[in-house]
Protein backbone atom coordinates (compact mmCIF):
# COMPACT_ATOMS: atom_id res chain seq x y z
CA MET A 1 0.00 0.00 0.00
CA LYS A 2 1.30 3.51 -0.83
CA THR A 3 1.81 6.20 1.79
CA LEU A 4 0.40 9.70 1.36
CA THR A 5 1.04 12.64 3.66
CA VAL A 6 -1.60 15.38 3.89
CA ARG A 7 -2.12 18.43 6.05
CA LEU A 8 -5.56 18.70 7.65
CA PRO A 9 -7.30 21.51 9.49
CA GLU A 10 -7.25 21.01 13.26
CA ALA A 11 -11.01 20.44 13.43
CA LEU A 12 -10.96 17.70 10.79
CA ALA A 13 -7.93 16.01 12.35
CA ALA A 14 -9.68 16.05 15.74
CA GLU A 15 -12.84 14.58 14.18
CA ILE A 16 -10.87 11.76 12.56
CA ASP A 17 -8.97 11.12 15.80
CA ALA A 18 -12.21 10.95 17.83
CA GLU A 19 -13.84 8.59 15.32
CA SER A 20 -10.81 6.29 15.30
CA ARG A 21 -10.82 6.09 19.10
CA GLN A 22 -14.59 5.56 19.25
CA ARG A 23 -14.54 2.78 16.62
CA ASN A 24 -11.21 1.38 17.82
CA ILE A 25 -9.64 1.51 14.36
CA SER A 26 -6.63 3.42 13.03
CA LYS A 27 -6.87 6.98 11.77
CA SER A 28 -5.64 5.70 8.43
CA ASP A 29 -8.62 3.35 8.24
CA VAL A 30 -11.02 6.21 9.00
CA VAL A 31 -9.47 8.40 6.30
CA ARG A 32 -9.39 5.50 3.82
CA GLU A 33 -13.10 4.76 4.42
CA ARG A 34 -14.00 8.41 3.96
CA LEU A 35 -12.02 8.68 0.74
CA GLU A 36 -13.51 5.49 -0.66
CA GLY A 37 -17.03 6.61 0.30
CA GLY A 38 -16.53 9.94 -1.44
CA SER A 39 -15.30 8.35 -4.64
CA ARG A 40 -18.31 5.99 -4.66
CA ALA A 41 -20.66 8.96 -4.30
CA ARG A 42 -18.95 10.75 -7.19
CA ARG A 43 -19.17 7.64 -9.34
CA ARG A 44 -22.89 7.34 -8.60
CA SER A 45 -23.57 10.97 -9.44
CA SER A 46 -21.52 10.70 -12.63
CA ALA A 47 -23.90 7.96 -13.81
CA PRO A 48 -27.24 9.79 -14.02
CA LEU A 49 -28.82 6.95 -15.97
CA GLY A 50 -28.53 4.78 -12.88
CA GLN A 51 -30.46 7.37 -10.90
CA ILE A 52 -33.46 7.21 -13.23
CA ALA A 53 -33.24 3.58 -14.33
CA ASP A 54 -36.44 2.70 -12.47
CA LEU A 55 -38.31 5.34 -14.50
CA ILE A 56 -37.28 4.04 -17.91
CA GLY A 57 -40.32 2.64 -19.63
CA ALA A 58 -42.64 3.94 -16.90
CA ALA A 59 -44.48 6.45 -19.12
CA LYS A 60 -47.43 4.99 -20.96
CA SER A 61 -49.03 6.11 -24.23
CA LEU A 62 -45.92 7.71 -25.72
CA PRO A 63 -44.88 7.10 -29.31
CA ALA A 64 -42.29 4.35 -29.72
CA ASP A 65 -40.14 6.58 -31.95
CA LEU A 66 -40.13 9.60 -29.64
CA SER A 67 -36.37 9.69 -29.18
CA SER A 68 -35.61 9.53 -32.90
CA ARG A 69 -38.39 11.93 -34.00
CA LYS A 70 -38.39 14.42 -31.13
CA LYS A 71 -38.31 17.45 -33.48
CA HIS A 72 -41.43 16.21 -35.23
CA TYR A 73 -43.31 15.78 -31.96
CA LEU A 74 -42.12 19.14 -30.62
CA ASP A 75 -43.39 20.78 -33.80
CA LEU A 76 -46.76 19.08 -33.26
CA LEU A 77 -46.88 20.41 -29.71
CA SER A 78 -46.10 23.96 -30.80
CA THR A 79 -48.94 23.94 -33.36
CA ALA A 80 -51.49 22.22 -31.11
CA PRO A 81 -54.17 24.43 -29.54
CA SER A 82 -53.45 25.40 -25.96
CA ALA A 83 -55.16 23.58 -23.14
CA PRO A 84 -57.90 25.61 -21.46
CA VAL A 85 -56.82 27.52 -18.39
CA LEU A 86 -58.96 26.91 -15.32
CA ALA A 87 -60.03 30.01 -13.46
CA SER A 88 -59.08 30.05 -9.79
CA THR A 89 -61.75 30.99 -7.30
């Protein structure tokens, strides 16, 4: 395993020290877990498709060629009469 030296603000160093004592693990393990957790979160957010995967195919009554003919359908929407506006009471 490689060694890396970093300088931390006092508050963060104290937080890591307290967590390592509380969990009875080394400070290196605490830092390693935090770094690995952060990289996992970045990987998840860099894959937006995974965030909406459960929605794919959830919309009903849409044309099958919507993605390839989006301009055509947008043109249809722009020429369609507007929906009536309901008056608020």
